[in-house]
Protein backbone atom coordinates (compact mmCIF):
# COMPACT_ATOMS: atom_id res chain seq x y z
CA MET A 1 20.40 25.00 21.35
CA ALA A 2 18.90 23.96 17.55
CA ILE A 3 19.92 20.51 16.36
CA GLN A 4 19.86 19.65 13.25
CA ILE A 5 16.99 16.42 11.49
CA LYS A 6 19.03 14.73 9.08
CA ALA A 7 18.05 11.56 6.95
CA PRO A 8 19.23 8.37 8.00
CA GLN A 9 22.10 6.19 6.27
CA PHE A 10 20.43 4.63 3.55
CA PRO A 11 21.84 1.07 3.04
CA GLU A 12 23.97 0.69 -0.28
CA SER A 13 21.61 -0.36 -2.46
CA ILE A 14 19.34 2.93 -2.00
CA GLU A 15 21.42 5.95 -3.05
CA GLU A 16 18.86 8.49 -2.27
CA GLY A 17 14.97 8.92 -1.59
CA SER A 18 12.51 11.84 -1.42
CA ILE A 19 10.10 13.44 1.57
CA ALA A 20 7.09 11.59 1.58
CA THR A 21 5.19 13.30 4.84
CA TRP A 22 6.32 15.97 7.39
CA HIS A 23 3.80 15.08 10.28
CA LYS A 24 4.85 18.44 12.22
CA GLN A 25 5.00 21.63 10.99
CA VAL A 26 7.04 24.92 11.79
CA GLY A 27 6.17 25.87 14.96
CA GLU A 28 4.82 22.84 16.47
CA ALA A 29 6.47 20.91 19.64
CA VAL A 30 8.01 17.91 19.21
CA SER A 31 8.85 15.06 21.92
CA ARG A 32 11.84 12.73 22.09
CA ASP A 33 11.22 9.74 20.08
CA GLU A 34 8.38 11.52 18.23
CA LEU A 35 7.67 10.97 14.54
CA ILE A 36 8.49 14.01 12.65
CA VAL A 37 8.76 12.84 8.92
CA ASP A 38 8.35 10.15 6.52
CA ILE A 39 11.18 9.59 3.54
CA GLU A 40 10.25 7.39 0.48
CA THR A 41 12.74 5.07 -0.87
CA ASP A 42 12.97 2.74 -3.96
CA LYS A 43 11.79 -0.07 -1.61
CA THR A 44 10.20 1.43 1.48
CA VAL A 45 9.55 3.92 3.91
CA LEU A 46 12.06 5.39 6.38
CA GLU A 47 10.63 7.00 9.80
CA VAL A 48 12.83 9.73 11.03
CA VAL A 49 12.24 10.60 14.81
CA ALA A 50 12.87 13.45 17.08
CA ALA A 51 16.13 13.33 18.91
CA ASP A 52 14.87 15.59 21.43
CA ASP A 53 12.19 17.48 23.02
CA GLY A 54 11.85 20.46 21.09
CA VAL A 55 9.91 23.15 18.56
CA LEU A 56 10.34 22.28 14.96
CA THR A 57 11.99 25.40 13.87
CA GLU A 58 12.85 24.89 9.97
CA VAL A 59 12.14 22.35 7.66
CA MET A 60 14.80 22.43 4.40
CA LYS A 61 13.22 19.98 2.28
CA LYS A 62 9.54 19.94 1.60
CA GLU A 63 7.22 16.76 0.62
CA GLY A 64 8.62 15.69 -2.97
CA ASP A 65 12.30 16.59 -2.31
CA VAL A 66 15.06 14.30 -3.05
CA VAL A 67 17.64 13.54 -0.21
CA SER A 68 20.57 12.18 -0.23
CA SER A 69 21.66 9.69 2.89
CA GLN A 70 22.64 11.92 6.27
CA GLU A 71 21.35 14.96 4.46
CA PRO A 72 19.95 17.88 6.68
CA ILE A 73 16.17 18.37 6.56
CA GLY A 74 14.91 20.47 9.07
CA LYS A 75 16.33 21.98 12.66
CA ILE A 76 14.57 21.37 15.94
CA GLU A 77 15.05 24.31 18.61
CA VAL A 78 15.94 22.01 21.95
CA GLY A 79 13.96 23.25 25.31
CA ALA A 80 11.41 25.26 23.28
CA VAL A 81 8.50 23.49 24.17
CA VAL A 82 6.65 25.47 26.90
CA ALA A 83 7.08 29.15 25.17
CA SER A 84 6.21 28.36 21.71
CA THR A 85 2.70 26.40 23.12
CA LEU A 86 2.08 29.25 25.13
CA GLU A 87 2.75 31.59 22.08
CA LYS A 88 0.21 29.68 20.04
CA ARG A 89 -2.36 29.77 22.83
CA VAL A 90 -2.29 33.57 22.91
CA GLU A 91 -2.44 34.19 19.23
CA ALA A 92 -5.20 31.76 18.42
CA ALA A 93 -7.56 32.89 21.28
CA PRO A 94 -8.33 36.16 19.66
CA ALA A 95 -9.22 34.48 16.60
CA ALA A 96 -11.23 32.30 18.36
CA GLU A 97 -13.09 34.88 19.61
CA SER A 98 -13.09 36.60 16.51
CA HIS A 99 -14.47 33.82 14.53
CA LEU A 100 -17.27 33.51 16.99
CA ASP A 101 -18.95 36.89 16.70
CA THR A 102 -19.45 36.45 13.17
CA VAL A 103 -21.24 32.83 13.55
CA VAL A 104 -24.83 32.85 12.31
CA VAL A 105 -26.93 29.94 12.90
CA ALA A 106 -29.72 29.15 10.37
CA ASN A 107 -31.82 26.33 9.16
CA PRO A 108 -30.38 25.02 5.32
CA ALA A 109 -33.93 26.06 3.87
CA ALA A 110 -33.20 29.66 5.48
CA ARG A 111 -29.63 29.72 3.51
CA LYS A 112 -30.97 28.34 0.86
CA LEU A 113 -33.48 30.93 0.24
CA ALA A 114 -31.32 33.68 1.19
CA GLU A 115 -29.04 33.18 -1.10
CA GLU A 116 -31.45 33.18 -3.93
CA ASN A 117 -32.63 36.44 -3.02
CA ASN A 118 -29.48 37.92 -2.02
CA ILE A 119 -30.37 38.32 1.85
CA ASP A 120 -27.93 39.01 4.25
CA LEU A 121 -28.22 36.30 7.30
CA ALA A 122 -26.02 38.26 9.65
CA SER A 123 -29.18 41.55 9.26
CA LEU A 124 -32.01 39.36 10.29
CA SER A 125 -33.00 38.02 14.06
CA GLY A 126 -33.67 34.98 14.35
CA THR A 127 -36.97 33.55 16.00
CA GLY A 128 -36.13 30.21 16.11
CA LYS A 129 -34.45 28.08 19.29
CA ASP A 130 -31.42 29.82 20.56
CA GLY A 131 -31.57 32.67 17.93
CA ARG A 132 -31.88 30.33 14.91
CA ILE A 133 -33.10 31.91 11.71
CA LEU A 134 -35.59 29.87 10.22
CA LYS A 135 -37.30 30.17 6.79
CA GLU A 136 -40.23 32.06 8.00
CA ASP A 137 -37.65 34.71 9.12
CA VAL A 138 -36.60 34.90 5.45
CA GLN A 139 -39.62 35.55 4.16
CA ASN A 140 -40.87 38.23 6.51
CA ALA A 141 -37.42 40.14 5.21
CA MET A 142 -38.48 39.65 1.62
CA THR A 143 -42.01 40.83 1.99
CA ALA A 144 -40.90 43.97 4.64
CA PRO A 145 -40.68 47.27 3.43
CA ALA A 146 -37.63 48.87 1.78
CA ALA A 147 -35.50 50.43 4.45
CA ASP A 148 -35.19 54.38 3.66
CA THR A 149 -31.49 54.46 3.76
CA PRO A 150 -30.10 53.35 0.39
CA VAL A 151 -27.96 50.75 -0.32
CA ALA A 152 -25.32 50.55 -2.55
CA GLU A 153 -26.03 47.96 -5.23
CA GLU A 154 -23.52 44.84 -5.92
CA PRO A 155 -22.18 44.93 -8.93
CA ALA A 156 -23.34 42.64 -11.24
CA LYS A 157 -22.00 38.99 -10.80
CA LEU A 158 -20.10 37.16 -14.14
CA VAL A 159 -22.12 33.90 -14.66
CA VAL A 160 -20.15 31.34 -16.64
CA PRO A 161 -22.47 28.24 -17.99
CA ILE A 162 -20.91 25.02 -17.35
CA SER A 163 -21.40 22.18 -18.95
CA LEU A 164 -23.21 19.03 -17.58
CA GLY A 165 -20.75 16.06 -17.48
CA GLU A 166 -17.78 17.73 -17.45
CA ARG A 167 -14.61 15.44 -17.22
CA ALA A 168 -12.03 16.25 -14.79
CA GLU A 169 -8.32 15.03 -14.44
CA LYS A 170 -5.97 15.06 -11.99
CA ARG A 171 -2.57 15.00 -12.71
CA VAL A 172 -0.16 13.96 -9.83
CA PRO A 173 3.90 13.07 -9.69
CA MET A 174 4.73 9.25 -9.72
CA THR A 175 5.62 7.96 -5.92
CA ARG A 176 9.06 6.97 -5.70
CA LEU A 177 8.00 3.26 -5.16
CA ARG A 178 5.94 3.24 -8.35
CA ALA A 179 8.22 4.89 -10.74
CA THR A 180 10.55 2.41 -9.13
CA ILE A 181 8.27 -0.86 -10.01
CA ALA A 182 7.76 0.33 -13.41
CA LYS A 183 11.50 0.52 -13.95
CA ARG A 184 12.04 -2.61 -12.94
CA LEU A 185 9.28 -4.28 -14.81
CA LEU A 186 10.42 -2.58 -17.84
CA ASP A 187 13.83 -4.08 -17.63
CA ALA A 188 12.45 -7.48 -16.91
CA GLN A 189 10.63 -7.61 -20.38
CA HIS A 190 13.64 -5.76 -22.22
CA ASN A 191 16.72 -7.85 -20.60
CA ALA A 192 14.84 -11.50 -20.42
CA ALA A 193 13.65 -13.78 -22.73
CA MET A 194 10.41 -14.33 -20.94
CA LEU A 195 7.91 -17.21 -21.88
CA THR A 196 5.33 -18.44 -20.21
CA THR A 197 3.92 -21.82 -19.60
CA PHE A 198 0.67 -22.82 -17.57
CA ASN A 199 -0.88 -25.81 -16.06
CA GLU A 200 -3.92 -26.33 -13.99
CA VAL A 201 -4.40 -28.05 -10.35
CA ASN A 202 -7.20 -29.61 -8.55
CA MET A 203 -7.52 -27.43 -5.48
CA GLY A 204 -10.02 -30.50 -3.78
CA PRO A 205 -7.63 -32.45 -1.42
CA LEU A 206 -5.75 -29.26 -0.29
CA MET A 207 -9.42 -27.68 0.57
CA ASP A 208 -10.54 -30.75 2.19
CA LEU A 209 -7.26 -31.22 4.26
CA ARG A 210 -8.12 -27.44 5.14
CA LYS A 211 -11.30 -27.81 6.45
CA GLN A 212 -10.67 -30.78 8.47
CA TYR A 213 -7.61 -29.68 10.34
CA LYS A 214 -8.24 -25.71 10.21
CA GLU A 215 -9.27 -25.21 13.53
CA LEU A 216 -6.92 -27.22 15.55
CA PHE A 217 -4.29 -25.81 13.57
CA GLU A 218 -5.49 -22.50 14.60
CA LYS A 219 -5.16 -23.63 17.97
CA THR A 220 -1.86 -25.53 18.03
CA HIS A 221 0.04 -22.36 16.71
CA ASN A 222 -1.18 -19.69 18.56
CA GLY A 223 -3.63 -17.99 16.38
CA THR A 224 -1.83 -18.55 13.23
CA ARG A 225 -4.62 -19.28 10.25
CA LEU A 226 -3.79 -22.42 7.98
CA GLY A 227 -4.37 -21.12 4.60
CA PHE A 228 -3.22 -22.13 0.98
CA MET A 229 -0.23 -19.73 0.50
CA GLY A 230 1.80 -22.06 3.16
CA PHE A 231 1.30 -25.30 0.58
CA PHE A 232 2.27 -23.27 -2.23
CA VAL A 233 5.55 -22.28 -0.59
CA LYS A 234 6.88 -25.45 0.73
CA ALA A 235 5.75 -27.03 -2.85
CA ALA A 236 7.53 -24.59 -4.49
CA ALA A 237 10.88 -25.13 -2.12
CA GLU A 238 10.43 -29.15 -2.62
CA ALA A 239 10.38 -28.39 -6.58
CA LEU A 240 13.22 -25.93 -6.37
CA LYS A 241 15.66 -28.62 -4.84
CA ARG A 242 14.73 -30.55 -8.16
CA PHE A 243 15.59 -28.30 -10.50
CA PRO A 244 18.18 -26.13 -9.57
CA ALA A 245 17.96 -23.76 -12.55
CA VAL A 246 14.91 -22.65 -11.69
CA ASN A 247 16.69 -21.10 -8.49
CA ALA A 248 19.35 -19.93 -10.17
CA SER A 249 20.12 -16.16 -11.37
CA ILE A 250 22.31 -14.65 -14.19
CA ASP A 251 24.86 -12.26 -13.39
CA GLY A 252 26.49 -11.20 -16.59
CA ASN A 253 27.93 -14.20 -18.28
CA ASP A 254 27.82 -16.25 -15.45
CA ILE A 255 25.07 -18.35 -13.69
CA VAL A 256 24.26 -18.50 -9.97
CA TYR A 257 23.08 -21.43 -8.73
CA HIS A 258 21.92 -20.49 -5.29
CA GLY A 259 22.31 -23.39 -2.34
CA TYR A 260 19.12 -21.85 -0.39
CA TYR A 261 15.47 -21.54 -0.53
CA ASP A 262 14.46 -17.88 -0.27
CA ILE A 263 11.10 -17.41 -1.75
CA GLY A 264 9.39 -14.18 -1.95
CA VAL A 265 5.75 -13.39 -1.57
CA ALA A 266 4.18 -10.39 -3.40
CA VAL A 267 1.86 -8.35 -1.22
CA SER A 268 0.03 -5.60 -2.93
CA THR A 269 -0.06 -2.23 -0.72
CA GLU A 270 -2.18 1.06 -1.57
CA ARG A 271 1.74 2.70 -2.23
CA GLY A 272 2.45 -0.40 -4.78
CA LEU A 273 3.36 -3.80 -5.14
CA VAL A 274 6.07 -5.12 -2.73
CA VAL A 275 7.85 -8.70 -2.43
CA PRO A 276 9.22 -9.57 1.14
CA VAL A 277 11.39 -12.89 1.51
CA LEU A 278 10.79 -15.58 3.38
CA ARG A 279 14.37 -17.14 4.20
CA ASP A 280 15.04 -21.10 4.10
CA CYS A 281 11.68 -22.32 2.92
CA ASP A 282 13.26 -25.40 2.96
CA ARG A 283 13.22 -25.64 6.42
CA MET A 284 10.17 -23.62 7.60
CA SER A 285 6.85 -25.63 8.45
CA ILE A 286 3.59 -24.32 7.07
CA ALA A 287 2.79 -22.57 10.79
CA GLU A 288 6.32 -20.51 10.17
CA VAL A 289 5.55 -19.80 6.33
CA GLU A 290 1.69 -18.54 7.36
CA GLY A 291 2.77 -16.69 9.97
CA GLY A 292 5.79 -14.98 8.52
CA ILE A 293 3.60 -13.74 5.66
CA ARG A 294 0.84 -12.51 7.86
CA SER A 295 3.60 -10.59 9.87
CA TYR A 296 4.99 -9.36 6.31
CA ALA A 297 1.99 -8.55 5.24
CA ALA A 298 0.94 -6.30 8.32
CA ALA A 299 4.13 -4.53 7.93
CA ALA A 300 3.85 -3.77 4.48
CA GLN A 301 0.23 -2.23 4.90
CA GLU A 302 1.92 -0.05 7.92
CA GLY A 303 4.68 1.18 5.27
CA LYS A 304 7.34 -0.64 7.54
CA LEU A 305 8.91 -3.24 5.99
CA ALA A 306 13.24 -2.98 6.50
CA ILE A 307 15.21 -3.13 3.54
CA GLU A 308 16.41 -6.00 4.28
CA ASP A 309 13.15 -7.77 4.36
CA MET A 310 13.05 -7.20 0.50
CA THR A 311 16.44 -8.38 -0.94
CA GLY A 312 17.82 -11.30 -1.75
CA GLY A 313 15.20 -13.75 -2.88
CA THR A 314 15.81 -16.53 -5.23
CA PHE A 315 11.84 -16.90 -6.33
CA THR A 316 8.91 -15.37 -6.26
CA ILE A 317 5.38 -16.32 -5.75
CA THR A 318 2.08 -14.06 -6.63
CA ASN A 319 -1.32 -14.58 -5.82
CA GLY A 320 -3.32 -12.73 -8.40
CA GLY A 321 -6.72 -14.62 -7.58
CA VAL A 322 -7.49 -12.61 -4.50
CA PHE A 323 -8.33 -10.15 -6.63
CA GLY A 324 -10.39 -12.26 -9.05
CA SER A 325 -7.84 -13.15 -11.63
CA LEU A 326 -8.40 -16.27 -13.67
CA LEU A 327 -5.47 -16.86 -16.02
CA SER A 328 -2.21 -14.24 -16.12
CA THR A 329 1.38 -14.44 -17.20
CA PRO A 330 3.23 -12.81 -14.60
CA ILE A 331 6.61 -10.71 -15.35
CA LEU A 332 10.16 -11.56 -14.09
CA ASN A 333 11.23 -9.98 -10.58
CA PRO A 334 14.78 -9.45 -11.72
CA PRO A 335 17.53 -10.99 -11.37
CA GLN A 336 15.48 -14.09 -10.52
CA THR A 337 14.69 -16.23 -13.56
CA ALA A 338 11.03 -17.45 -12.44
CA ILE A 339 7.86 -16.42 -10.81
CA LEU A 340 4.96 -18.59 -9.96
CA GLY A 341 1.66 -17.31 -10.44
CA MET A 342 -1.68 -18.38 -8.53
CA HIS A 343 -5.30 -17.75 -9.64
CA LYS A 344 -8.77 -18.17 -8.87
CA ILE A 345 -9.74 -20.84 -7.64
CA GLN A 346 -13.45 -21.65 -9.85
CA GLU A 347 -15.40 -24.74 -10.03
CA ARG A 348 -15.07 -26.37 -13.14
CA PRO A 349 -16.71 -29.72 -15.17
CA MET A 350 -13.72 -32.05 -15.15
CA ALA A 351 -13.50 -35.33 -17.01
CA VAL A 352 -12.29 -37.91 -13.88
CA ASN A 353 -12.60 -41.51 -14.50
CA ASN A 354 -14.60 -41.06 -17.92
CA GLN A 355 -17.43 -38.89 -16.28
CA VAL A 356 -17.91 -35.12 -15.71
CA VAL A 357 -17.44 -33.95 -12.17
CA ILE A 358 -17.66 -30.19 -10.94
CA GLN A 359 -13.93 -29.36 -9.35
CA PRO A 360 -12.44 -26.65 -7.84
CA MET A 361 -9.64 -25.72 -10.09
CA MET A 362 -6.75 -23.47 -10.20
CA TYR A 363 -4.63 -21.90 -13.33
CA LEU A 364 -0.89 -22.20 -12.37
CA ALA A 365 0.97 -19.84 -14.46
CA LEU A 366 5.04 -20.22 -14.83
CA SER A 367 7.04 -17.41 -16.67
CA TYR A 368 10.62 -17.92 -17.14
CA ASP A 369 13.71 -16.66 -18.77
CA HIS A 370 14.41 -18.89 -21.67
CA ARG A 371 18.32 -17.77 -21.82
CA MET A 372 18.31 -19.86 -18.29
CA ILE A 373 15.87 -22.45 -17.76
CA ASP A 374 14.45 -24.47 -20.99
CA GLY A 375 11.07 -25.34 -21.76
CA LYS A 376 11.49 -29.11 -20.45
CA ASP A 377 12.41 -28.23 -17.04
CA ALA A 378 9.84 -25.27 -16.77
CA VAL A 379 7.11 -27.75 -17.43
CA GLN A 380 8.21 -30.12 -15.16
CA PHE A 381 9.00 -27.72 -12.42
CA LEU A 382 5.28 -26.71 -12.91
CA VAL A 383 4.03 -30.21 -13.39
CA ALA A 384 6.13 -31.28 -9.67
CA ILE A 385 4.17 -28.31 -7.92
CA LYS A 386 0.68 -29.31 -9.32
CA ASP A 387 1.54 -33.12 -8.05
CA MET A 388 2.32 -32.11 -4.21
CA LEU A 389 -0.31 -29.90 -4.21
CA GLU A 390 -3.08 -32.56 -5.49
CA ASP A 391 -1.28 -35.11 -3.53
CA PRO A 392 0.04 -33.35 -0.31
CA ALA A 393 1.08 -36.09 1.31
CA ARG A 394 4.45 -35.91 -1.63
CA MET A 395 5.82 -32.92 0.56
CA LEU A 396 6.45 -35.03 3.85
CA LEU A 397 7.46 -37.87 1.56
CA ASP A 398 9.50 -36.41 -0.56
CA VAL A 399 8.03 -38.34 -3.45
């Protein structure tokens, strides 16, 4: 009995996907719940598993083909595992034996010398261990008298000169995720009055606090590490409460003010940038924030983020500092109206109480939609984050 392999039911926000990778080929046995194919959408990769034991008998959609929700993409013959496996073994056995009959064991030096002098290694008898052909065997064949049997001359090979330093090019189709990222970034620039304001924060107090409680924090919270992102998320959540416009979005001619604080944290993967969302950050502890970011990052690297994990954010934080970025202007993540950019911590000479002191400083960048957010609010929002990070007690006292 044959059963169809169908694409999963896509969420309403996703119209179609494309075949990313077939993990099984036609004729291979599959087991129930075994991964067969990955389908890439504009937000994540969906895994399709086998509904029953059997053999993959047909692939209707090749890698790169576009598929819609619930569209048939292949077929499985149920209960044909044993027969298929035996046939493959029988077919493979003669091929393996014939391959072994033609194997010639020779040292690399012997092979090179034979190639340079057009000597067939299969015609030589090796004097090395286990019949291995040595360089001396090839040299003896070169000095041996020619056989009486005439040998047909090989046609002259056409030698095409290749210039040194040849520049290679490789053209590959853009993945669906990469194409979606490109479209959204262009839309953000074309459809928003985007502006960026900058400030800098002294990371010394946070670094001292982290150094003091790092080991105790990890022991208390079951291995969750204390990083800087937890403080930035909590500071952003508190600042969003004070400046509701930064937490709002534009829908046509309407302004939507959100009464919750769902902050997206940009995560870089091999496939592109994804932004999983932490829900109700104002109610989360720093340990919960760090644990959530850690689990999302692991899922993103494995391509296992769900659609729900990346929708509905009201504000975004991106950290280019992990790659060494000193200063940048982040692009909005529509329909959000603001995004915070973190950067590399670098020691710089700063004037403190009329003295030059070396301080670990970080530049902060806030890009915002000027249609929604006035410059005054944007600057004061960024200053509020700066003040809370330089004096973490402010987050506890709400001052």
